[in-house]
Amino acid sequence: MAKIQTTIQFKLARIPPADLRFLLEALPRLEIEEAEMRSILIERRADLFASDCLPASWSHLYELPFPEHVSKIAGDFDALHAIKAYSSAQRPIQVLASYIQQLDEDDSELTPEEKEKLRPNLALIFGLVTSLLKSLQSLMAYGTYLNDLVAQVRQGNRQGDTALFKAVKIDPSAMSAPSISARISRAVLEDDQTFLSALKRAINAPLSKQHQANADKIRFVLQVLQESKVERLNDDELHDLFVRQLALYSAPSKADVGDAAKGIRAIAGRMKRAKSTT
């Protein structure tokens, strides 16, 4: 086991298990904060959707590849310095953790003048945060960013329609993204009732319970490993990381090492196929 641990530490030098645990803990926090922001937005809708306020529009960001999506929002939030530090660090997640902690610890009270200056932008800020959260939720549910689903829609055909319905299930506002809007408009012109009925079902149907299971988190971790250019892990390393370190896969005994690796690689394979047309 010591040899396996040494190998894992070498292969995960850019993103240790502790950093992966941080990301997995940060996602639910982001969802809670988004829900709290939404509640405030609804309560103060008269102030935050007034005629002098910027609209809460974000669907156009789904037309961009996800890294560009993040960079665009970083620019809007004046956080490019944090993104630069994140991308060049030996432990990038640690940089991200420090940045988030810094934001959490900033409890300075805004003056009434500062609050009023910020008010016209709050709905837009909420929209930008929502766009990131929804794309990450798509990654966890389907193994591909919402941005990649929109890219599949642009390619057309039946696979593009399937991607469209998945995107709308995650975020109904994605219907106003130009690529999706164009496909819906075509269906209206052609009186394509099959497509329009499927669209209605996608709008009204929540994600299945299957997409709420640990497989969601496994997809997320696999994506982080890929983007961090971690080498391919062998069976023992996959078992140690996903079963022992992160507790995301139910295969606790040594005899189940091969089964755990097979299951995780099956999830990775489905993710690869989902991205193959983007």
C-alpha atoms as a PDB file:
ATOM      1  CA  MET A   1       0.000   0.000   0.000  1.00  0.00           C
ATOM      2  CA  ALA A   2       2.899   2.391   0.727  1.00  0.00           C
ATOM      3  CA  LYS A   3       4.133   1.951  -2.856  1.00  0.00           C
ATOM      4  CA  ILE A   4       0.648   2.700  -4.194  1.00  0.00           C
ATOM      5  CA  GLN A   5       0.424   5.825  -2.022  1.00  0.00           C
ATOM      6  CA  THR A   6       3.800   7.070  -3.320  1.00  0.00           C
ATOM      7  CA  THR A   7       2.701   6.546  -6.921  1.00  0.00           C
ATOM      8  CA  ILE A   8      -0.584   8.365  -6.372  1.00  0.00           C
ATOM      9  CA  GLN A   9       1.178  11.289  -4.706  1.00  0.00           C
ATOM     10  CA  PHE A  10       3.503  11.533  -7.713  1.00  0.00           C
ATOM     11  CA  LYS A  11       0.729  11.345 -10.294  1.00  0.00           C
ATOM     12  CA  LEU A  12      -1.511  13.739  -8.373  1.00  0.00           C
ATOM     13  CA  ALA A  13       1.264  16.246  -7.697  1.00  0.00           C
ATOM     14  CA  ARG A  14      -0.766  19.061  -9.275  1.00  0.00           C
ATOM     15  CA  ILE A  15      -3.999  18.170  -7.516  1.00  0.00           C
ATOM     16  CA  PRO A  16      -3.749  16.081  -4.322  1.00  0.00           C
ATOM     17  CA  PRO A  17      -6.812  14.271  -2.862  1.00  0.00           C
ATOM     18  CA  ALA A  18      -7.162  16.996  -0.213  1.00  0.00           C
ATOM     19  CA  ASP A  19      -7.689  19.542  -2.983  1.00  0.00           C
ATOM     20  CA  LEU A  20     -10.254  17.319  -4.678  1.00  0.00           C
ATOM     21  CA  ARG A  21     -12.120  17.079  -1.367  1.00  0.00           C
ATOM     22  CA  PHE A  22     -12.090  20.885  -1.179  1.00  0.00           C
ATOM     23  CA  LEU A  23     -13.725  21.135  -4.595  1.00  0.00           C
ATOM     24  CA  LEU A  24     -16.369  18.547  -3.708  1.00  0.00           C
ATOM     25  CA  GLU A  25     -17.186  20.479  -0.533  1.00  0.00           C
ATOM     26  CA  ALA A  26     -17.209  23.845  -2.357  1.00  0.00           C
ATOM     27  CA  LEU A  27     -19.873  22.804  -4.876  1.00  0.00           C
ATOM     28  CA  PRO A  28     -22.701  22.301  -2.335  1.00  0.00           C
ATOM     29  CA  ARG A  29     -21.673  25.614  -0.771  1.00  0.00           C
ATOM     30  CA  LEU A  30     -22.013  27.316  -4.130  1.00  0.00           C
ATOM     31  CA  GLU A  31     -25.471  25.790  -4.557  1.00  0.00           C
ATOM     32  CA  ILE A  32     -26.538  27.037  -1.096  1.00  0.00           C
ATOM     33  CA  GLU A  33     -25.224  30.535  -1.773  1.00  0.00           C
ATOM     34  CA  GLU A  34     -26.962  30.596  -5.160  1.00  0.00           C
ATOM     35  CA  ALA A  35     -30.259  29.657  -3.482  1.00  0.00           C
ATOM     36  CA  GLU A  36     -29.778  32.407  -0.878  1.00  0.00           C
ATOM     37  CA  MET A  37     -29.014  34.966  -3.589  1.00  0.00           C
ATOM     38  CA  ARG A  38     -32.099  33.856  -5.498  1.00  0.00           C
ATOM     39  CA  SER A  39     -34.254  34.360  -2.392  1.00  0.00           C
ATOM     40  CA  ILE A  40     -32.943  37.901  -1.924  1.00  0.00           C
ATOM     41  CA  LEU A  41     -33.442  38.625  -5.600  1.00  0.00           C
ATOM     42  CA  ILE A  42     -37.082  37.534  -5.472  1.00  0.00           C
ATOM     43  CA  GLU A  43     -37.725  39.440  -2.253  1.00  0.00           C
ATOM     44  CA  ARG A  44     -36.278  42.652  -3.725  1.00  0.00           C
ATOM     45  CA  ARG A  45     -37.365  42.160  -7.329  1.00  0.00           C
ATOM     46  CA  ALA A  46     -38.812  45.680  -7.536  1.00  0.00           C
ATOM     47  CA  ASP A  47     -35.384  47.177  -6.719  1.00  0.00           C
ATOM     48  CA  LEU A  48     -33.179  44.726  -8.594  1.00  0.00           C
ATOM     49  CA  PHE A  49     -35.201  44.497 -11.817  1.00  0.00           C
ATOM     50  CA  ALA A  50     -35.953  48.204 -12.039  1.00  0.00           C
ATOM     51  CA  SER A  51     -35.534  50.106 -15.312  1.00  0.00           C
ATOM     52  CA  ASP A  52     -32.046  51.320 -14.318  1.00  0.00           C
ATOM     53  CA  CYS A  53     -30.756  47.771 -13.670  1.00  0.00           C
ATOM     54  CA  LEU A  54     -28.757  45.541 -16.000  1.00  0.00           C
ATOM     55  CA  PRO A  55     -30.734  42.472 -17.106  1.00  0.00           C
ATOM     56  CA  ALA A  56     -29.974  39.097 -15.554  1.00  0.00           C
ATOM     57  CA  SER A  57     -29.024  37.513 -18.869  1.00  0.00           C
ATOM     58  CA  TRP A  58     -26.378  34.814 -19.178  1.00  0.00           C
ATOM     59  CA  SER A  59     -27.415  32.280 -21.824  1.00  0.00           C
ATOM     60  CA  HIS A  60     -25.002  33.802 -24.378  1.00  0.00           C
ATOM     61  CA  LEU A  61     -22.123  32.537 -22.202  1.00  0.00           C
ATOM     62  CA  TYR A  62     -23.133  28.939 -22.976  1.00  0.00           C
ATOM     63  CA  GLU A  63     -22.072  29.562 -26.578  1.00  0.00           C
ATOM     64  CA  LEU A  64     -18.443  29.850 -25.390  1.00  0.00           C
ATOM     65  CA  PRO A  65     -16.130  26.953 -24.515  1.00  0.00           C
ATOM     66  CA  PHE A  66     -16.171  26.587 -20.728  1.00  0.00           C
ATOM     67  CA  PRO A  67     -12.648  28.063 -20.153  1.00  0.00           C
ATOM     68  CA  GLU A  68     -13.689  31.185 -22.092  1.00  0.00           C
ATOM     69  CA  HIS A  69     -16.934  31.272 -20.115  1.00  0.00           C
ATOM     70  CA  VAL A  70     -14.916  31.349 -16.872  1.00  0.00           C
ATOM     71  CA  SER A  71     -12.477  33.962 -18.206  1.00  0.00           C
ATOM     72  CA  LYS A  72     -15.329  36.219 -19.312  1.00  0.00           C
ATOM     73  CA  ILE A  73     -16.882  36.136 -15.850  1.00  0.00           C
ATOM     74  CA  ALA A  74     -13.486  36.587 -14.193  1.00  0.00           C
ATOM     75  CA  GLY A  75     -13.052  39.756 -16.236  1.00  0.00           C
ATOM     76  CA  ASP A  76     -16.498  41.012 -15.238  1.00  0.00           C
ATOM     77  CA  PHE A  77     -15.687  40.372 -11.574  1.00  0.00           C
ATOM     78  CA  ASP A  78     -12.193  41.870 -11.885  1.00  0.00           C
ATOM     79  CA  ALA A  79     -10.745  38.510 -10.817  1.00  0.00           C
ATOM     80  CA  LEU A  80      -8.270  37.961 -13.670  1.00  0.00           C
ATOM     81  CA  HIS A  81      -5.333  38.150 -11.248  1.00  0.00           C
ATOM     82  CA  ALA A  82      -6.775  35.180  -9.350  1.00  0.00           C
ATOM     83  CA  ILE A  83      -7.288  33.197 -12.568  1.00  0.00           C
ATOM     84  CA  LYS A  84      -3.684  33.905 -13.621  1.00  0.00           C
ATOM     85  CA  ALA A  85      -2.344  32.765 -10.249  1.00  0.00           C
ATOM     86  CA  TYR A  86      -4.590  29.685 -10.374  1.00  0.00           C
ATOM     87  CA  SER A  87      -3.378  28.554 -13.795  1.00  0.00           C
ATOM     88  CA  SER A  88       0.335  28.936 -13.043  1.00  0.00           C
ATOM     89  CA  ALA A  89       0.420  27.490  -9.516  1.00  0.00           C
ATOM     90  CA  GLN A  90       1.850  24.078  -8.632  1.00  0.00           C
ATOM     91  CA  ARG A  91      -1.286  23.430  -6.558  1.00  0.00           C
ATOM     92  CA  PRO A  92      -3.947  25.465  -8.382  1.00  0.00           C
ATOM     93  CA  ILE A  93      -6.824  24.317  -6.169  1.00  0.00           C
ATOM     94  CA  GLN A  94      -4.982  25.663  -3.135  1.00  0.00           C
ATOM     95  CA  VAL A  95      -4.863  29.081  -4.808  1.00  0.00           C
ATOM     96  CA  LEU A  96      -8.586  28.860  -5.529  1.00  0.00           C
ATOM     97  CA  ALA A  97      -9.271  27.855  -1.907  1.00  0.00           C
ATOM     98  CA  SER A  98      -7.317  30.862  -0.618  1.00  0.00           C
ATOM     99  CA  TYR A  99      -9.194  33.202  -2.966  1.00  0.00           C
ATOM    100  CA  ILE A 100     -12.589  31.866  -1.859  1.00  0.00           C
ATOM    101  CA  GLN A 101     -11.564  32.066   1.800  1.00  0.00           C
ATOM    102  CA  GLN A 102     -10.482  35.664   1.276  1.00  0.00           C
ATOM    103  CA  LEU A 103     -13.917  36.489  -0.151  1.00  0.00           C
ATOM    104  CA  ASP A 104     -15.634  34.688   2.749  1.00  0.00           C
ATOM    105  CA  GLU A 105     -13.625  36.607   5.352  1.00  0.00           C
ATOM    106  CA  ASP A 106     -14.371  39.982   3.790  1.00  0.00           C
ATOM    107  CA  ASP A 107     -17.223  41.019   6.105  1.00  0.00           C
ATOM    108  CA  SER A 108     -16.766  44.740   5.580  1.00  0.00           C
ATOM    109  CA  GLU A 109     -20.079  46.590   5.623  1.00  0.00           C
ATOM    110  CA  LEU A 110     -20.964  48.584   2.548  1.00  0.00           C
ATOM    111  CA  THR A 111     -22.069  52.156   2.962  1.00  0.00           C
ATOM    112  CA  PRO A 112     -25.576  53.086   1.737  1.00  0.00           C
ATOM    113  CA  GLU A 113     -23.934  54.876  -1.198  1.00  0.00           C
ATOM    114  CA  GLU A 114     -21.889  51.765  -2.111  1.00  0.00           C
ATOM    115  CA  LYS A 115     -24.984  49.564  -1.878  1.00  0.00           C
ATOM    116  CA  GLU A 116     -26.903  51.857  -4.191  1.00  0.00           C
ATOM    117  CA  LYS A 117     -24.012  51.896  -6.660  1.00  0.00           C
ATOM    118  CA  LEU A 118     -23.978  48.092  -6.652  1.00  0.00           C
ATOM    119  CA  ARG A 119     -27.771  47.645  -6.877  1.00  0.00           C
ATOM    120  CA  PRO A 120     -28.149  48.036 -10.694  1.00  0.00           C
ATOM    121  CA  ASN A 121     -25.605  45.217 -11.216  1.00  0.00           C
ATOM    122  CA  LEU A 122     -26.848  42.639  -8.708  1.00  0.00           C
ATOM    123  CA  ALA A 123     -29.231  40.774 -10.989  1.00  0.00           C
ATOM    124  CA  LEU A 124     -26.521  40.444 -13.638  1.00  0.00           C
ATOM    125  CA  ILE A 125     -24.002  39.236 -11.044  1.00  0.00           C
ATOM    126  CA  PHE A 126     -26.497  36.604  -9.912  1.00  0.00           C
ATOM    127  CA  GLY A 127     -26.949  35.504 -13.508  1.00  0.00           C
ATOM    128  CA  LEU A 128     -23.211  35.125 -14.042  1.00  0.00           C
ATOM    129  CA  VAL A 129     -22.840  32.974 -10.918  1.00  0.00           C
ATOM    130  CA  THR A 130     -25.839  30.900 -11.988  1.00  0.00           C
ATOM    131  CA  SER A 131     -24.294  30.239 -15.402  1.00  0.00           C
ATOM    132  CA  LEU A 132     -21.179  28.730 -13.804  1.00  0.00           C
ATOM    133  CA  LEU A 133     -23.166  26.626 -11.369  1.00  0.00           C
ATOM    134  CA  LYS A 134     -25.449  25.266 -14.099  1.00  0.00           C
ATOM    135  CA  SER A 135     -22.533  24.294 -16.335  1.00  0.00           C
ATOM    136  CA  LEU A 136     -20.887  22.452 -13.428  1.00  0.00           C
ATOM    137  CA  GLN A 137     -24.182  20.708 -12.649  1.00  0.00           C
ATOM    138  CA  SER A 138     -24.318  19.601 -16.286  1.00  0.00           C
ATOM    139  CA  LEU A 139     -20.808  18.164 -15.948  1.00  0.00           C
ATOM    140  CA  MET A 140     -21.859  16.180 -12.889  1.00  0.00           C
ATOM    141  CA  ALA A 141     -25.112  14.972 -14.435  1.00  0.00           C
ATOM    142  CA  TYR A 142     -24.004  14.199 -17.986  1.00  0.00           C
ATOM    143  CA  GLY A 143     -20.199  14.218 -17.933  1.00  0.00           C
ATOM    144  CA  THR A 144     -19.996  17.296 -20.161  1.00  0.00           C
ATOM    145  CA  TYR A 145     -20.281  21.046 -19.563  1.00  0.00           C
ATOM    146  CA  LEU A 146     -23.512  22.746 -20.557  1.00  0.00           C
ATOM    147  CA  ASN A 147     -21.358  24.746 -22.990  1.00  0.00           C
ATOM    148  CA  ASP A 148     -20.416  21.480 -24.737  1.00  0.00           C
ATOM    149  CA  LEU A 149     -24.082  20.508 -25.015  1.00  0.00           C
ATOM    150  CA  VAL A 150     -24.781  23.798 -26.795  1.00  0.00           C
ATOM    151  CA  ALA A 151     -21.857  23.084 -29.136  1.00  0.00           C
ATOM    152  CA  GLN A 152     -23.517  19.760 -30.014  1.00  0.00           C
ATOM    153  CA  VAL A 153     -26.781  21.591 -30.732  1.00  0.00           C
ATOM    154  CA  ARG A 154     -24.948  23.708 -33.322  1.00  0.00           C
ATOM    155  CA  GLN A 155     -23.948  20.538 -35.173  1.00  0.00           C
ATOM    156  CA  GLY A 156     -27.594  19.633 -35.699  1.00  0.00           C
ATOM    157  CA  ASN A 157     -29.055  16.131 -36.214  1.00  0.00           C
ATOM    158  CA  ARG A 158     -30.733  13.923 -33.620  1.00  0.00           C
ATOM    159  CA  GLN A 159     -27.712  13.955 -31.324  1.00  0.00           C
ATOM    160  CA  GLY A 160     -27.892  17.739 -31.263  1.00  0.00           C
ATOM    161  CA  ASP A 161     -31.545  17.592 -30.256  1.00  0.00           C
ATOM    162  CA  THR A 162     -30.718  15.175 -27.430  1.00  0.00           C
ATOM    163  CA  ALA A 163     -28.043  17.603 -26.201  1.00  0.00           C
ATOM    164  CA  LEU A 164     -30.568  20.452 -26.414  1.00  0.00           C
ATOM    165  CA  PHE A 165     -33.080  18.631 -24.197  1.00  0.00           C
ATOM    166  CA  LYS A 166     -30.327  17.859 -21.662  1.00  0.00           C
ATOM    167  CA  ALA A 167     -29.243  21.519 -21.562  1.00  0.00           C
ATOM    168  CA  VAL A 168     -32.823  22.709 -21.029  1.00  0.00           C
ATOM    169  CA  LYS A 169     -33.290  20.217 -18.179  1.00  0.00           C
ATOM    170  CA  ILE A 170     -30.291  21.764 -16.418  1.00  0.00           C
ATOM    171  CA  ASP A 171     -31.180  25.392 -17.182  1.00  0.00           C
ATOM    172  CA  PRO A 172     -34.397  26.360 -19.014  1.00  0.00           C
ATOM    173  CA  SER A 173     -32.933  29.797 -19.749  1.00  0.00           C
ATOM    174  CA  ALA A 174     -30.525  28.042 -22.140  1.00  0.00           C
ATOM    175  CA  MET A 175     -33.407  28.192 -24.625  1.00  0.00           C
ATOM    176  CA  SER A 176     -32.446  31.822 -25.266  1.00  0.00           C
ATOM    177  CA  ALA A 177     -28.887  30.882 -26.258  1.00  0.00           C
ATOM    178  CA  PRO A 178     -28.648  31.686 -30.000  1.00  0.00           C
ATOM    179  CA  SER A 179     -27.886  28.095 -31.070  1.00  0.00           C
ATOM    180  CA  ILE A 180     -30.828  26.657 -29.118  1.00  0.00           C
ATOM    181  CA  SER A 181     -33.168  29.503 -30.016  1.00  0.00           C
ATOM    182  CA  ALA A 182     -32.441  28.928 -33.722  1.00  0.00           C
ATOM    183  CA  ARG A 183     -33.286  25.214 -33.423  1.00  0.00           C
ATOM    184  CA  ILE A 184     -36.537  25.946 -31.579  1.00  0.00           C
ATOM    185  CA  SER A 185     -37.515  28.579 -34.152  1.00  0.00           C
ATOM    186  CA  ARG A 186     -36.961  26.064 -36.937  1.00  0.00           C
ATOM    187  CA  ALA A 187     -39.179  23.537 -35.170  1.00  0.00           C
ATOM    188  CA  VAL A 188     -41.916  26.167 -34.836  1.00  0.00           C
ATOM    189  CA  LEU A 189     -41.683  27.054 -38.536  1.00  0.00           C
ATOM    190  CA  GLU A 190     -41.802  23.381 -39.535  1.00  0.00           C
ATOM    191  CA  ASP A 191     -44.581  22.637 -37.024  1.00  0.00           C
ATOM    192  CA  ASP A 192     -42.367  19.832 -35.659  1.00  0.00           C
ATOM    193  CA  GLN A 193     -44.707  18.627 -32.918  1.00  0.00           C
ATOM    194  CA  THR A 194     -42.458  15.694 -31.995  1.00  0.00           C
ATOM    195  CA  PHE A 195     -39.590  18.057 -31.172  1.00  0.00           C
ATOM    196  CA  LEU A 196     -41.814  20.624 -29.439  1.00  0.00           C
ATOM    197  CA  SER A 197     -43.452  17.953 -27.268  1.00  0.00           C
ATOM    198  CA  ALA A 198     -40.032  16.618 -26.262  1.00  0.00           C
ATOM    199  CA  LEU A 199     -38.928  20.169 -25.457  1.00  0.00           C
ATOM    200  CA  LYS A 200     -41.948  20.674 -23.217  1.00  0.00           C
ATOM    201  CA  ARG A 201     -41.158  17.441 -21.366  1.00  0.00           C
ATOM    202  CA  ALA A 202     -37.541  18.532 -20.881  1.00  0.00           C
ATOM    203  CA  ILE A 203     -38.641  21.869 -19.418  1.00  0.00           C
ATOM    204  CA  ASN A 204     -41.011  20.233 -16.943  1.00  0.00           C
ATOM    205  CA  ALA A 205     -38.968  17.151 -16.020  1.00  0.00           C
ATOM    206  CA  PRO A 206     -36.358  17.387 -13.235  1.00  0.00           C
ATOM    207  CA  LEU A 207     -33.160  15.380 -13.381  1.00  0.00           C
ATOM    208  CA  SER A 208     -33.630  11.741 -12.477  1.00  0.00           C
ATOM    209  CA  LYS A 209     -32.446  10.420  -9.116  1.00  0.00           C
ATOM    210  CA  GLN A 210     -29.705   8.558 -10.972  1.00  0.00           C
ATOM    211  CA  HIS A 211     -28.114  11.928 -11.704  1.00  0.00           C
ATOM    212  CA  GLN A 212     -28.113  12.835  -8.017  1.00  0.00           C
ATOM    213  CA  ALA A 213     -25.941   9.875  -6.998  1.00  0.00           C
ATOM    214  CA  ASN A 214     -22.197   9.699  -6.346  1.00  0.00           C
ATOM    215  CA  ALA A 215     -21.600   9.122 -10.057  1.00  0.00           C
ATOM    216  CA  ASP A 216     -22.115  12.874 -10.404  1.00  0.00           C
ATOM    217  CA  LYS A 217     -19.147  13.585  -8.134  1.00  0.00           C
ATOM    218  CA  ILE A 218     -17.026  10.939  -9.832  1.00  0.00           C
ATOM    219  CA  ARG A 219     -17.598  12.672 -13.183  1.00  0.00           C
ATOM    220  CA  PHE A 220     -16.564  15.957 -11.621  1.00  0.00           C
ATOM    221  CA  VAL A 221     -13.340  14.510 -10.194  1.00  0.00           C
ATOM    222  CA  LEU A 222     -12.484  12.771 -13.482  1.00  0.00           C
ATOM    223  CA  GLN A 223     -12.880  16.086 -15.314  1.00  0.00           C
ATOM    224  CA  VAL A 224     -10.630  17.879 -12.815  1.00  0.00           C
ATOM    225  CA  LEU A 225      -7.992  15.157 -13.198  1.00  0.00           C
ATOM    226  CA  GLN A 226      -8.153  15.448 -16.983  1.00  0.00           C
ATOM    227  CA  GLU A 227      -7.874  19.235 -16.987  1.00  0.00           C
ATOM    228  CA  SER A 228      -4.968  18.997 -14.523  1.00  0.00           C
ATOM    229  CA  LYS A 229      -3.186  16.601 -16.933  1.00  0.00           C
ATOM    230  CA  VAL A 230      -2.893  13.824 -14.345  1.00  0.00           C
ATOM    231  CA  GLU A 231      -1.471  10.590 -15.765  1.00  0.00           C
ATOM    232  CA  ARG A 232      -3.760   7.594 -16.255  1.00  0.00           C
ATOM    233  CA  LEU A 233      -4.255   5.844 -12.888  1.00  0.00           C
ATOM    234  CA  ASN A 234      -4.030   2.055 -12.632  1.00  0.00           C
ATOM    235  CA  ASP A 235      -6.603  -0.147 -10.851  1.00  0.00           C
ATOM    236  CA  ASP A 236      -5.005   0.140  -7.390  1.00  0.00           C
ATOM    237  CA  GLU A 237      -4.667   3.926  -7.738  1.00  0.00           C
ATOM    238  CA  LEU A 238      -8.269   4.373  -8.877  1.00  0.00           C
ATOM    239  CA  HIS A 239      -9.478   2.251  -5.952  1.00  0.00           C
ATOM    240  CA  ASP A 240      -7.367   4.188  -3.449  1.00  0.00           C
ATOM    241  CA  LEU A 241      -8.465   7.613  -4.713  1.00  0.00           C
ATOM    242  CA  PHE A 242     -12.190   7.037  -5.314  1.00  0.00           C
ATOM    243  CA  VAL A 243     -12.898   4.415  -2.623  1.00  0.00           C
ATOM    244  CA  ARG A 244     -10.517   5.172   0.245  1.00  0.00           C
ATOM    245  CA  GLN A 245      -9.521   8.838  -0.169  1.00  0.00           C
ATOM    246  CA  LEU A 246     -12.764  10.383  -1.479  1.00  0.00           C
ATOM    247  CA  ALA A 247     -15.320   7.696  -0.503  1.00  0.00           C
ATOM    248  CA  LEU A 248     -17.206   8.117  -3.789  1.00  0.00           C
ATOM    249  CA  TYR A 249     -17.377   4.482  -4.855  1.00  0.00           C
ATOM    250  CA  SER A 250     -18.737   1.562  -2.806  1.00  0.00           C
ATOM    251  CA  ALA A 251     -16.041  -1.097  -3.088  1.00  0.00           C
ATOM    252  CA  PRO A 252     -14.346  -1.154   0.308  1.00  0.00           C
ATOM    253  CA  SER A 253     -12.508  -4.482   0.162  1.00  0.00           C
ATOM    254  CA  LYS A 254      -9.243  -5.253  -1.628  1.00  0.00           C
ATOM    255  CA  ALA A 255     -11.038  -7.962  -3.623  1.00  0.00           C
ATOM    256  CA  ASP A 256     -13.171  -5.267  -5.223  1.00  0.00           C
ATOM    257  CA  VAL A 257     -10.253  -3.247  -6.592  1.00  0.00           C
ATOM    258  CA  GLY A 258     -10.809  -4.449 -10.155  1.00  0.00           C
ATOM    259  CA  ASP A 259     -14.570  -3.907  -9.950  1.00  0.00           C
ATOM    260  CA  ALA A 260     -14.121  -0.341  -8.691  1.00  0.00           C
ATOM    261  CA  ALA A 261     -11.646   0.475 -11.454  1.00  0.00           C
ATOM    262  CA  LYS A 262     -13.934  -1.076 -14.080  1.00  0.00           C
ATOM    263  CA  GLY A 263     -16.906   0.960 -12.870  1.00  0.00           C
ATOM    264  CA  ILE A 264     -14.959   4.219 -12.757  1.00  0.00           C
ATOM    265  CA  ARG A 265     -13.461   3.632 -16.203  1.00  0.00           C
ATOM    266  CA  ALA A 266     -16.976   2.955 -17.528  1.00  0.00           C
ATOM    267  CA  ILE A 267     -18.045   6.385 -16.262  1.00  0.00           C
ATOM    268  CA  ALA A 268     -14.931   7.933 -17.864  1.00  0.00           C
ATOM    269  CA  GLY A 269     -15.739   6.165 -21.145  1.00  0.00           C
ATOM    270  CA  ARG A 270     -19.274   7.544 -21.202  1.00  0.00           C
ATOM    271  CA  MET A 271     -17.887  11.029 -20.532  1.00  0.00           C
ATOM    272  CA  LYS A 272     -15.476  10.650 -23.451  1.00  0.00           C
ATOM    273  CA  ARG A 273     -18.266   9.570 -25.788  1.00  0.00           C
ATOM    274  CA  ALA A 274     -20.430  12.480 -24.620  1.00  0.00           C
ATOM    275  CA  LYS A 275     -17.667  14.914 -25.574  1.00  0.00           C
ATOM    276  CA  SER A 276     -16.656  13.213 -28.809  1.00  0.00           C
ATOM    277  CA  THR A 277     -18.922  15.367 -30.975  1.00  0.00           C
ATOM    278  CA  THR A 278     -18.027  18.723 -29.408  1.00  0.00           C
END
